[in-house]
Amino acid sequence: MSRTDLRSAIADRPVVLDGGLATLLEQHGHDLSSDLWSARLLRDDPGAIEAAHREFFLAGAQVATTASYQVSFEGFGAVGADRDEVGLLLRRSVALAAAARDEVAPAGWVAASVGPYGAVLADGSEYRGDYDLDVAGLRAFHRPRLDVLASTVGEGADVLAIETVPCLAEVEAVLAELDGTGVPAWLSLSAADGRTRAGEPLEEAYAMAADVAEVLAVGINCTTPADAGRAVALAGAAGPAVVYPNSGQAWDAEARSWTGRSAFEPADVSAWVAAGARLVGGCCRVGPADISSLRATLVP
């Protein structure tokens, strides 16, 4: 079965994203306590990642987001990987998602994940935005990884998922690197109360993205479901929105564990779609059963 261009698909109908890949892997017994998080398994157990992608596709997801979120030249360099190996791992993340898609959901899509600078620091700063780099420094950080993942679009990946961005400086940096490349991407921020994690208005981030033709949707991820609605309304005012909140549980970066109970309700998707959401799924602690329920709500 041939795949429709994702930009064209979301112009016609909402598309279902997957859920939290890393937290699904944790539930299956994998130790993700290192700074590399799920990216460690790209080296140590790639089959587990492919199996998790298959599980989400079987649950009804139409898009697999790759395990490249935590992959960086700096992070893997710290554990002895050279630049060639890091490039290989980035490309492997796409190949694993594409293999699962081609086996289970050949009409689906693969989004190559581009995590924020804070994810590589592994100190929770993607939920604060208090970075030690300016825009130029952030551009230099993102450029090598973006170059590798952009090269996979059309060769396994369909789109870049630039996600969990906590501040306008990083928005400016990734958009500057993306502008003019012709590589489709969505831009998703980590936010609360209608503001970035650094306290800036979300509208400013979405307005910046409006000038970059490569961006096919803007929105929010890894925020609470309660915060998702407000952010989707802001994003959807300008065009297609992407929304994939976490379960609403809190991440303790020091203890590297989740606390509280899930507040993810697939029925909320109707309100998100009404507000302009066209890419809809879940993030951390949102599992295949949640995605199956979301799909049933979205596609009766």
C-alpha atoms as a PDB file:
ATOM      1  CA  MET A   1       0.000   0.000   0.000  1.00  0.00           C
ATOM      2  CA  SER A   2       1.405   3.404  -0.951  1.00  0.00           C
ATOM      3  CA  ARG A   3       1.764   6.186   1.589  1.00  0.00           C
ATOM      4  CA  THR A   4       0.160   9.580   1.233  1.00  0.00           C
ATOM      5  CA  ASP A   5       2.384  12.575   1.895  1.00  0.00           C
ATOM      6  CA  LEU A   6       1.866  13.385   5.586  1.00  0.00           C
ATOM      7  CA  ARG A   7       1.172  17.068   4.938  1.00  0.00           C
ATOM      8  CA  SER A   8      -1.566  16.068   2.500  1.00  0.00           C
ATOM      9  CA  ALA A   9      -2.928  13.450   4.888  1.00  0.00           C
ATOM     10  CA  ILE A  10      -3.410  15.867   7.784  1.00  0.00           C
ATOM     11  CA  ALA A  11      -5.071  18.365   5.473  1.00  0.00           C
ATOM     12  CA  ASP A  12      -7.714  15.696   4.928  1.00  0.00           C
ATOM     13  CA  ARG A  13      -8.070  14.057   8.346  1.00  0.00           C
ATOM     14  CA  PRO A  14      -6.481  13.657  11.796  1.00  0.00           C
ATOM     15  CA  VAL A  15      -3.630  11.150  12.046  1.00  0.00           C
ATOM     16  CA  VAL A  16      -2.879   9.013  15.119  1.00  0.00           C
ATOM     17  CA  LEU A  17       0.609   9.182  16.618  1.00  0.00           C
ATOM     18  CA  ASP A  18       2.137   6.542  18.880  1.00  0.00           C
ATOM     19  CA  GLY A  19       2.664   6.826  22.628  1.00  0.00           C
ATOM     20  CA  GLY A  20       5.657   6.819  24.939  1.00  0.00           C
ATOM     21  CA  LEU A  21       8.270   4.532  23.393  1.00  0.00           C
ATOM     22  CA  ALA A  22      10.774   4.703  26.240  1.00  0.00           C
ATOM     23  CA  THR A  23       8.231   4.142  28.985  1.00  0.00           C
ATOM     24  CA  LEU A  24       6.822   1.151  27.060  1.00  0.00           C
ATOM     25  CA  LEU A  25      10.338  -0.280  26.930  1.00  0.00           C
ATOM     26  CA  GLU A  26      10.639   0.278  30.677  1.00  0.00           C
ATOM     27  CA  GLN A  27       7.387  -1.592  31.236  1.00  0.00           C
ATOM     28  CA  HIS A  28       8.867  -4.481  29.294  1.00  0.00           C
ATOM     29  CA  GLY A  29      11.713  -4.667  31.792  1.00  0.00           C
ATOM     30  CA  HIS A  30      14.485  -2.672  30.116  1.00  0.00           C
ATOM     31  CA  ASP A  31      16.727  -0.566  32.341  1.00  0.00           C
ATOM     32  CA  LEU A  32      16.702   2.988  30.986  1.00  0.00           C
ATOM     33  CA  SER A  33      18.237   4.624  34.033  1.00  0.00           C
ATOM     34  CA  SER A  34      21.393   5.818  32.276  1.00  0.00           C
ATOM     35  CA  ASP A  35      21.785   9.276  30.748  1.00  0.00           C
ATOM     36  CA  LEU A  36      21.253   7.694  27.320  1.00  0.00           C
ATOM     37  CA  TRP A  37      17.712   6.591  28.285  1.00  0.00           C
ATOM     38  CA  SER A  38      16.045   4.571  25.494  1.00  0.00           C
ATOM     39  CA  ALA A  39      18.854   5.439  23.074  1.00  0.00           C
ATOM     40  CA  ARG A  40      21.024   2.877  24.872  1.00  0.00           C
ATOM     41  CA  LEU A  41      18.971   0.096  23.302  1.00  0.00           C
ATOM     42  CA  LEU A  42      19.892   1.238  19.793  1.00  0.00           C
ATOM     43  CA  ARG A  43      23.286  -0.208  20.657  1.00  0.00           C
ATOM     44  CA  ASP A  44      22.382  -2.989  23.060  1.00  0.00           C
ATOM     45  CA  ASP A  45      18.980  -4.365  21.978  1.00  0.00           C
ATOM     46  CA  PRO A  46      17.657  -2.847  18.743  1.00  0.00           C
ATOM     47  CA  GLY A  47      15.150  -5.681  18.385  1.00  0.00           C
ATOM     48  CA  ALA A  48      13.355  -4.461  21.508  1.00  0.00           C
ATOM     49  CA  ILE A  49      12.866  -1.044  19.921  1.00  0.00           C
ATOM     50  CA  GLU A  50      11.486  -2.502  16.701  1.00  0.00           C
ATOM     51  CA  ALA A  51       9.121  -4.713  18.711  1.00  0.00           C
ATOM     52  CA  ALA A  52       7.837  -1.692  20.657  1.00  0.00           C
ATOM     53  CA  HIS A  53       7.179   0.176  17.404  1.00  0.00           C
ATOM     54  CA  ARG A  54       5.235  -2.844  16.127  1.00  0.00           C
ATOM     55  CA  GLU A  55       3.201  -2.897  19.339  1.00  0.00           C
ATOM     56  CA  PHE A  56       2.105   0.696  18.847  1.00  0.00           C
ATOM     57  CA  PHE A  57       1.256   0.137  15.187  1.00  0.00           C
ATOM     58  CA  LEU A  58      -0.802  -2.921  16.099  1.00  0.00           C
ATOM     59  CA  ALA A  59      -2.636  -0.789  18.663  1.00  0.00           C
ATOM     60  CA  GLY A  60      -3.703   1.639  15.939  1.00  0.00           C
ATOM     61  CA  ALA A  61      -0.907   4.200  15.700  1.00  0.00           C
ATOM     62  CA  GLN A  62      -0.294   5.528  12.203  1.00  0.00           C
ATOM     63  CA  VAL A  63       3.040   7.198  12.996  1.00  0.00           C
ATOM     64  CA  ALA A  64       6.088   5.756  14.754  1.00  0.00           C
ATOM     65  CA  THR A  65       8.426   8.237  16.435  1.00  0.00           C
ATOM     66  CA  THR A  66      12.004   7.002  16.418  1.00  0.00           C
ATOM     67  CA  ALA A  67      14.237   6.259  19.403  1.00  0.00           C
ATOM     68  CA  SER A  68      16.631   9.068  18.442  1.00  0.00           C
ATOM     69  CA  TYR A  69      15.283  11.570  20.998  1.00  0.00           C
ATOM     70  CA  GLN A  70      18.231  11.114  23.357  1.00  0.00           C
ATOM     71  CA  VAL A  71      20.873  10.400  20.712  1.00  0.00           C
ATOM     72  CA  SER A  72      23.609  12.995  20.406  1.00  0.00           C
ATOM     73  CA  PHE A  73      27.243  13.062  19.416  1.00  0.00           C
ATOM     74  CA  GLU A  74      28.080  14.419  22.850  1.00  0.00           C
ATOM     75  CA  GLY A  75      26.038  11.872  24.810  1.00  0.00           C
ATOM     76  CA  PHE A  76      27.326   8.791  23.032  1.00  0.00           C
ATOM     77  CA  GLY A  77      30.797  10.298  22.845  1.00  0.00           C
ATOM     78  CA  ALA A  78      30.856  10.206  26.626  1.00  0.00           C
ATOM     79  CA  VAL A  79      30.502   6.410  26.520  1.00  0.00           C
ATOM     80  CA  GLY A  80      33.144   5.911  23.843  1.00  0.00           C
ATOM     81  CA  ALA A  81      31.225   6.127  20.577  1.00  0.00           C
ATOM     82  CA  ASP A  82      32.908   7.949  17.712  1.00  0.00           C
ATOM     83  CA  ARG A  83      31.010  10.196  15.298  1.00  0.00           C
ATOM     84  CA  ASP A  84      30.594   7.459  12.695  1.00  0.00           C
ATOM     85  CA  GLU A  85      28.916   5.185  15.228  1.00  0.00           C
ATOM     86  CA  VAL A  86      26.576   7.937  16.407  1.00  0.00           C
ATOM     87  CA  GLY A  87      25.540   8.575  12.807  1.00  0.00           C
ATOM     88  CA  LEU A  88      24.927   4.859  12.404  1.00  0.00           C
ATOM     89  CA  LEU A  89      22.742   4.779  15.530  1.00  0.00           C
ATOM     90  CA  LEU A  90      20.687   7.733  14.314  1.00  0.00           C
ATOM     91  CA  ARG A  91      20.081   6.009  10.990  1.00  0.00           C
ATOM     92  CA  ARG A  92      19.359   2.724  12.781  1.00  0.00           C
ATOM     93  CA  SER A  93      16.623   4.410  14.811  1.00  0.00           C
ATOM     94  CA  VAL A  94      14.858   5.262  11.558  1.00  0.00           C
ATOM     95  CA  ALA A  95      15.442   1.840  10.027  1.00  0.00           C
ATOM     96  CA  LEU A  96      13.892   0.095  13.049  1.00  0.00           C
ATOM     97  CA  ALA A  97      10.756   2.234  12.956  1.00  0.00           C
ATOM     98  CA  ALA A  98      10.479   1.845   9.182  1.00  0.00           C
ATOM     99  CA  ALA A  99      10.811  -1.944   9.428  1.00  0.00           C
ATOM    100  CA  ALA A 100       7.971  -2.097  11.956  1.00  0.00           C
ATOM    101  CA  ARG A 101       5.838   0.187   9.840  1.00  0.00           C
ATOM    102  CA  ASP A 102       6.437  -1.761   6.645  1.00  0.00           C
ATOM    103  CA  GLU A 103       5.525  -5.010   8.385  1.00  0.00           C
ATOM    104  CA  VAL A 104       2.432  -3.885  10.284  1.00  0.00           C
ATOM    105  CA  ALA A 105       1.137  -0.592   8.839  1.00  0.00           C
ATOM    106  CA  PRO A 106       2.617   0.002   5.380  1.00  0.00           C
ATOM    107  CA  ALA A 107       0.417   3.050   4.830  1.00  0.00           C
ATOM    108  CA  GLY A 108       1.813   4.656   7.992  1.00  0.00           C
ATOM    109  CA  TRP A 109       4.620   7.109   8.591  1.00  0.00           C
ATOM    110  CA  VAL A 110       7.897   7.443  10.498  1.00  0.00           C
ATOM    111  CA  ALA A 111       8.843  10.609  12.378  1.00  0.00           C
ATOM    112  CA  ALA A 112      12.550  10.987  13.129  1.00  0.00           C
ATOM    113  CA  SER A 113      12.738  12.381  16.651  1.00  0.00           C
ATOM    114  CA  VAL A 114      14.907  15.421  17.346  1.00  0.00           C
ATOM    115  CA  GLY A 115      14.989  15.886  21.099  1.00  0.00           C
ATOM    116  CA  PRO A 116      15.951  19.152  22.803  1.00  0.00           C
ATOM    117  CA  TYR A 117      19.363  20.073  24.164  1.00  0.00           C
ATOM    118  CA  GLY A 118      18.032  19.513  27.670  1.00  0.00           C
ATOM    119  CA  ALA A 119      17.361  15.838  26.935  1.00  0.00           C
ATOM    120  CA  VAL A 120      21.061  15.284  26.314  1.00  0.00           C
ATOM    121  CA  LEU A 121      21.942  17.002  29.595  1.00  0.00           C
ATOM    122  CA  ALA A 122      19.651  14.438  31.297  1.00  0.00           C
ATOM    123  CA  ASP A 123      18.992  16.861  34.147  1.00  0.00           C
ATOM    124  CA  GLY A 124      15.354  17.708  33.472  1.00  0.00           C
ATOM    125  CA  SER A 125      16.154  21.056  31.839  1.00  0.00           C
ATOM    126  CA  GLU A 126      13.871  20.290  28.886  1.00  0.00           C
ATOM    127  CA  TYR A 127      11.138  20.972  31.462  1.00  0.00           C
ATOM    128  CA  ARG A 128      12.727  24.246  32.600  1.00  0.00           C
ATOM    129  CA  GLY A 129      14.464  25.780  29.582  1.00  0.00           C
ATOM    130  CA  ASP A 130      17.292  27.192  31.692  1.00  0.00           C
ATOM    131  CA  TYR A 131      20.030  26.457  29.184  1.00  0.00           C
ATOM    132  CA  ASP A 132      23.675  27.459  29.257  1.00  0.00           C
ATOM    133  CA  LEU A 133      23.784  27.976  25.459  1.00  0.00           C
ATOM    134  CA  ASP A 134      22.617  30.899  23.347  1.00  0.00           C
ATOM    135  CA  VAL A 135      20.957  30.560  19.928  1.00  0.00           C
ATOM    136  CA  ALA A 136      24.285  30.185  18.131  1.00  0.00           C
ATOM    137  CA  GLY A 137      25.385  27.494  20.551  1.00  0.00           C
ATOM    138  CA  LEU A 138      22.089  25.659  20.196  1.00  0.00           C
ATOM    139  CA  ARG A 139      22.330  25.776  16.415  1.00  0.00           C
ATOM    140  CA  ALA A 140      25.801  24.267  16.584  1.00  0.00           C
ATOM    141  CA  PHE A 141      24.550  21.554  18.923  1.00  0.00           C
ATOM    142  CA  HIS A 142      21.564  20.583  16.768  1.00  0.00           C
ATOM    143  CA  ARG A 143      23.179  20.860  13.330  1.00  0.00           C
ATOM    144  CA  PRO A 144      25.092  17.540  13.094  1.00  0.00           C
ATOM    145  CA  ARG A 145      22.177  15.430  14.322  1.00  0.00           C
ATOM    146  CA  LEU A 146      19.654  17.287  12.176  1.00  0.00           C
ATOM    147  CA  ASP A 147      21.854  16.745   9.132  1.00  0.00           C
ATOM    148  CA  VAL A 148      21.916  12.972   9.672  1.00  0.00           C
ATOM    149  CA  LEU A 149      18.207  12.626  10.404  1.00  0.00           C
ATOM    150  CA  ALA A 150      17.228  14.953   7.553  1.00  0.00           C
ATOM    151  CA  SER A 151      19.120  12.643   5.197  1.00  0.00           C
ATOM    152  CA  THR A 152      16.774   9.788   6.182  1.00  0.00           C
ATOM    153  CA  VAL A 153      13.628  11.629   5.099  1.00  0.00           C
ATOM    154  CA  GLY A 154      12.498   9.861   1.969  1.00  0.00           C
ATOM    155  CA  GLU A 155      14.787   6.970   2.881  1.00  0.00           C
ATOM    156  CA  GLY A 156      12.738   5.516   5.734  1.00  0.00           C
ATOM    157  CA  ALA A 157      11.554   8.596   7.597  1.00  0.00           C
ATOM    158  CA  ASP A 158       8.766  10.851   6.375  1.00  0.00           C
ATOM    159  CA  VAL A 159       9.115  13.833   8.704  1.00  0.00           C
ATOM    160  CA  LEU A 160      11.251  15.226  11.512  1.00  0.00           C
ATOM    161  CA  ALA A 161       9.633  15.457  14.953  1.00  0.00           C
ATOM    162  CA  ILE A 162      11.332  18.386  16.670  1.00  0.00           C
ATOM    163  CA  GLU A 163       9.923  17.873  20.129  1.00  0.00           C
ATOM    164  CA  THR A 164       9.822  18.879  23.795  1.00  0.00           C
ATOM    165  CA  VAL A 165      11.415  22.273  23.066  1.00  0.00           C
ATOM    166  CA  PRO A 166      11.231  24.379  26.252  1.00  0.00           C
ATOM    167  CA  CYS A 167      12.251  27.906  25.221  1.00  0.00           C
ATOM    168  CA  LEU A 168      12.166  30.430  22.390  1.00  0.00           C
ATOM    169  CA  ALA A 169      15.942  30.397  21.978  1.00  0.00           C
ATOM    170  CA  GLU A 170      15.833  26.729  21.029  1.00  0.00           C
ATOM    171  CA  VAL A 171      12.807  27.318  18.784  1.00  0.00           C
ATOM    172  CA  GLU A 172      14.791  29.997  16.965  1.00  0.00           C
ATOM    173  CA  ALA A 173      17.811  27.708  16.683  1.00  0.00           C
ATOM    174  CA  VAL A 174      16.045  24.663  15.250  1.00  0.00           C
ATOM    175  CA  LEU A 175      13.926  26.738  12.884  1.00  0.00           C
ATOM    176  CA  ALA A 176      17.034  28.486  11.564  1.00  0.00           C
ATOM    177  CA  GLU A 177      18.629  25.115  10.872  1.00  0.00           C
ATOM    178  CA  LEU A 178      15.448  23.786   9.234  1.00  0.00           C
ATOM    179  CA  ASP A 179      14.603  26.829   7.112  1.00  0.00           C
ATOM    180  CA  GLY A 180      15.350  26.321   3.437  1.00  0.00           C
ATOM    181  CA  THR A 181      16.175  22.607   3.683  1.00  0.00           C
ATOM    182  CA  GLY A 182      12.909  21.398   2.165  1.00  0.00           C
ATOM    183  CA  VAL A 183      12.687  18.749   4.900  1.00  0.00           C
ATOM    184  CA  PRO A 184       9.182  18.493   6.447  1.00  0.00           C
ATOM    185  CA  ALA A 185       8.976  18.720  10.223  1.00  0.00           C
ATOM    186  CA  TRP A 186       6.636  19.353  13.077  1.00  0.00           C
ATOM    187  CA  LEU A 187       7.591  21.575  16.003  1.00  0.00           C
ATOM    188  CA  SER A 188       6.321  20.623  19.433  1.00  0.00           C
ATOM    189  CA  LEU A 189       7.042  22.446  22.673  1.00  0.00           C
ATOM    190  CA  SER A 190       7.052  21.453  26.315  1.00  0.00           C
ATOM    191  CA  ALA A 191       4.838  24.008  28.008  1.00  0.00           C
ATOM    192  CA  ALA A 192       2.464  24.825  30.847  1.00  0.00           C
ATOM    193  CA  ASP A 193      -0.320  27.376  31.286  1.00  0.00           C
ATOM    194  CA  GLY A 194       0.020  28.629  27.724  1.00  0.00           C
ATOM    195  CA  ARG A 195       3.702  29.460  28.127  1.00  0.00           C
ATOM    196  CA  THR A 196       6.973  27.737  27.346  1.00  0.00           C
ATOM    197  CA  ARG A 197       8.785  26.069  30.207  1.00  0.00           C
ATOM    198  CA  ALA A 198      11.006  29.142  30.294  1.00  0.00           C
ATOM    199  CA  GLY A 199       7.906  31.309  30.825  1.00  0.00           C
ATOM    200  CA  GLU A 200       7.552  32.825  27.337  1.00  0.00           C
ATOM    201  CA  PRO A 201       4.258  33.077  25.388  1.00  0.00           C
ATOM    202  CA  LEU A 202       3.590  30.028  23.235  1.00  0.00           C
ATOM    203  CA  GLU A 203       2.103  32.290  20.577  1.00  0.00           C
ATOM    204  CA  GLU A 204       5.572  33.682  19.903  1.00  0.00           C
ATOM    205  CA  ALA A 205       6.976  30.234  19.209  1.00  0.00           C
ATOM    206  CA  TYR A 206       4.139  29.345  16.868  1.00  0.00           C
ATOM    207  CA  ALA A 207       4.416  32.696  15.079  1.00  0.00           C
ATOM    208  CA  MET A 208       8.136  32.065  14.472  1.00  0.00           C
ATOM    209  CA  ALA A 209       7.344  28.702  12.912  1.00  0.00           C
ATOM    210  CA  ALA A 210       4.740  30.223  10.597  1.00  0.00           C
ATOM    211  CA  ASP A 211       7.539  31.748   8.539  1.00  0.00           C
ATOM    212  CA  VAL A 212       9.253  28.399   7.911  1.00  0.00           C
ATOM    213  CA  ALA A 213       7.673  26.481   5.033  1.00  0.00           C
ATOM    214  CA  GLU A 214       9.119  23.176   6.201  1.00  0.00           C
ATOM    215  CA  VAL A 215       6.959  23.165   9.356  1.00  0.00           C
ATOM    216  CA  LEU A 216       3.739  21.257   8.688  1.00  0.00           C
ATOM    217  CA  ALA A 217       2.334  21.492  12.229  1.00  0.00           C
ATOM    218  CA  VAL A 218       3.086  23.116  15.579  1.00  0.00           C
ATOM    219  CA  GLY A 219       1.923  22.166  19.028  1.00  0.00           C
ATOM    220  CA  ILE A 220       2.764  20.570  22.325  1.00  0.00           C
ATOM    221  CA  ASN A 221       4.027  17.340  23.806  1.00  0.00           C
ATOM    222  CA  CYS A 222       5.109  15.919  27.165  1.00  0.00           C
ATOM    223  CA  THR A 223       2.868  18.263  29.071  1.00  0.00           C
ATOM    224  CA  THR A 224      -0.123  17.271  31.153  1.00  0.00           C
ATOM    225  CA  PRO A 225      -3.391  16.488  29.367  1.00  0.00           C
ATOM    226  CA  ALA A 226      -4.953  19.403  31.242  1.00  0.00           C
ATOM    227  CA  ASP A 227      -2.445  21.811  29.673  1.00  0.00           C
ATOM    228  CA  ALA A 228      -2.810  20.336  26.211  1.00  0.00           C
ATOM    229  CA  GLY A 229      -6.135  21.936  25.335  1.00  0.00           C
ATOM    230  CA  ARG A 230      -4.985  25.523  25.809  1.00  0.00           C
ATOM    231  CA  ALA A 231      -1.817  24.950  23.817  1.00  0.00           C
ATOM    232  CA  VAL A 232      -3.706  23.248  20.978  1.00  0.00           C
ATOM    233  CA  ALA A 233      -6.095  26.191  20.752  1.00  0.00           C
ATOM    234  CA  LEU A 234      -3.132  28.529  20.364  1.00  0.00           C
ATOM    235  CA  ALA A 235      -1.408  26.301  17.820  1.00  0.00           C
ATOM    236  CA  GLY A 236      -4.539  25.459  15.874  1.00  0.00           C
ATOM    237  CA  ALA A 237      -5.397  29.124  15.379  1.00  0.00           C
ATOM    238  CA  ALA A 238      -2.648  29.322  12.758  1.00  0.00           C
ATOM    239  CA  GLY A 239      -2.936  25.930  11.084  1.00  0.00           C
ATOM    240  CA  PRO A 240      -2.588  22.202  11.760  1.00  0.00           C
ATOM    241  CA  ALA A 241      -1.653  21.385  15.340  1.00  0.00           C
ATOM    242  CA  VAL A 242       0.200  18.446  16.859  1.00  0.00           C
ATOM    243  CA  VAL A 243      -0.593  17.277  20.378  1.00  0.00           C
ATOM    244  CA  TYR A 244       0.751  14.340  22.340  1.00  0.00           C
ATOM    245  CA  PRO A 245       0.653  14.896  26.084  1.00  0.00           C
ATOM    246  CA  ASN A 246       2.118  12.618  28.696  1.00  0.00           C
ATOM    247  CA  SER A 247      -0.008  10.714  31.193  1.00  0.00           C
ATOM    248  CA  GLY A 248      -0.078  13.651  33.588  1.00  0.00           C
ATOM    249  CA  GLN A 249       2.271  11.925  35.985  1.00  0.00           C
ATOM    250  CA  ALA A 250       5.324  13.841  37.200  1.00  0.00           C
ATOM    251  CA  TRP A 251       8.919  13.002  36.235  1.00  0.00           C
ATOM    252  CA  ASP A 252      11.425  13.184  39.082  1.00  0.00           C
ATOM    253  CA  ALA A 253      14.697  13.839  37.237  1.00  0.00           C
ATOM    254  CA  GLU A 254      16.823  13.200  40.321  1.00  0.00           C
ATOM    255  CA  ALA A 255      15.187   9.876  41.164  1.00  0.00           C
ATOM    256  CA  ARG A 256      14.591   9.143  37.456  1.00  0.00           C
ATOM    257  CA  SER A 257      11.085   7.861  38.160  1.00  0.00           C
ATOM    258  CA  TRP A 258       7.416   8.774  37.638  1.00  0.00           C
ATOM    259  CA  THR A 259       5.019   9.742  40.405  1.00  0.00           C
ATOM    260  CA  GLY A 260       1.238  10.144  40.601  1.00  0.00           C
ATOM    261  CA  ARG A 261      -1.615   8.659  38.585  1.00  0.00           C
ATOM    262  CA  SER A 262      -2.428   8.833  34.892  1.00  0.00           C
ATOM    263  CA  ALA A 263      -4.793  11.572  33.733  1.00  0.00           C
ATOM    264  CA  PHE A 264      -4.643  10.648  30.038  1.00  0.00           C
ATOM    265  CA  GLU A 265      -8.182  10.384  28.662  1.00  0.00           C
ATOM    266  CA  PRO A 266      -8.480   9.435  24.984  1.00  0.00           C
ATOM    267  CA  ALA A 267     -11.931  11.061  24.927  1.00  0.00           C
ATOM    268  CA  ASP A 268     -10.175  14.458  25.184  1.00  0.00           C
ATOM    269  CA  VAL A 269      -9.080  13.999  21.582  1.00  0.00           C
ATOM    270  CA  SER A 270     -12.433  15.251  20.274  1.00  0.00           C
ATOM    271  CA  ALA A 271     -11.822  18.642  21.844  1.00  0.00           C
ATOM    272  CA  TRP A 272      -8.241  18.727  20.550  1.00  0.00           C
ATOM    273  CA  VAL A 273      -9.378  17.958  17.020  1.00  0.00           C
ATOM    274  CA  ALA A 274     -12.095  20.594  17.243  1.00  0.00           C
ATOM    275  CA  ALA A 275      -9.355  23.087  18.187  1.00  0.00           C
ATOM    276  CA  GLY A 276      -7.254  22.201  15.146  1.00  0.00           C
ATOM    277  CA  ALA A 277      -5.218  19.133  16.114  1.00  0.00           C
ATOM    278  CA  ARG A 278      -4.340  16.933  13.143  1.00  0.00           C
ATOM    279  CA  LEU A 279      -1.522  14.864  14.660  1.00  0.00           C
ATOM    280  CA  VAL A 280      -2.733  13.319  17.909  1.00  0.00           C
ATOM    281  CA  GLY A 281      -1.122  10.804  20.258  1.00  0.00           C
ATOM    282  CA  GLY A 282       0.626  10.433  23.584  1.00  0.00           C
ATOM    283  CA  CYS A 283       4.022  10.858  25.172  1.00  0.00           C
ATOM    284  CA  CYS A 284       5.562   9.429  28.339  1.00  0.00           C
ATOM    285  CA  ARG A 285       3.513   6.757  30.129  1.00  0.00           C
ATOM    286  CA  VAL A 286       0.909   6.640  27.359  1.00  0.00           C
ATOM    287  CA  GLY A 287       0.860   3.025  26.228  1.00  0.00           C
ATOM    288  CA  PRO A 288      -0.590   0.924  23.404  1.00  0.00           C
ATOM    289  CA  ALA A 289      -3.930   0.477  25.192  1.00  0.00           C
ATOM    290  CA  ASP A 290      -4.300   4.264  25.422  1.00  0.00           C
ATOM    291  CA  ILE A 291      -3.469   4.642  21.732  1.00  0.00           C
ATOM    292  CA  SER A 292      -5.992   1.943  20.853  1.00  0.00           C
ATOM    293  CA  SER A 293      -8.682   3.818  22.777  1.00  0.00           C
ATOM    294  CA  LEU A 294      -7.629   7.109  21.206  1.00  0.00           C
ATOM    295  CA  ARG A 295      -7.825   5.566  17.728  1.00  0.00           C
ATOM    296  CA  ALA A 296     -11.310   4.231  18.442  1.00  0.00           C
ATOM    297  CA  THR A 297     -12.395   7.703  19.573  1.00  0.00           C
ATOM    298  CA  LEU A 298     -10.861   9.390  16.563  1.00  0.00           C
ATOM    299  CA  VAL A 299     -11.952   6.836  13.974  1.00  0.00           C
ATOM    300  CA  PRO A 300     -15.326   5.348  15.088  1.00  0.00           C
END
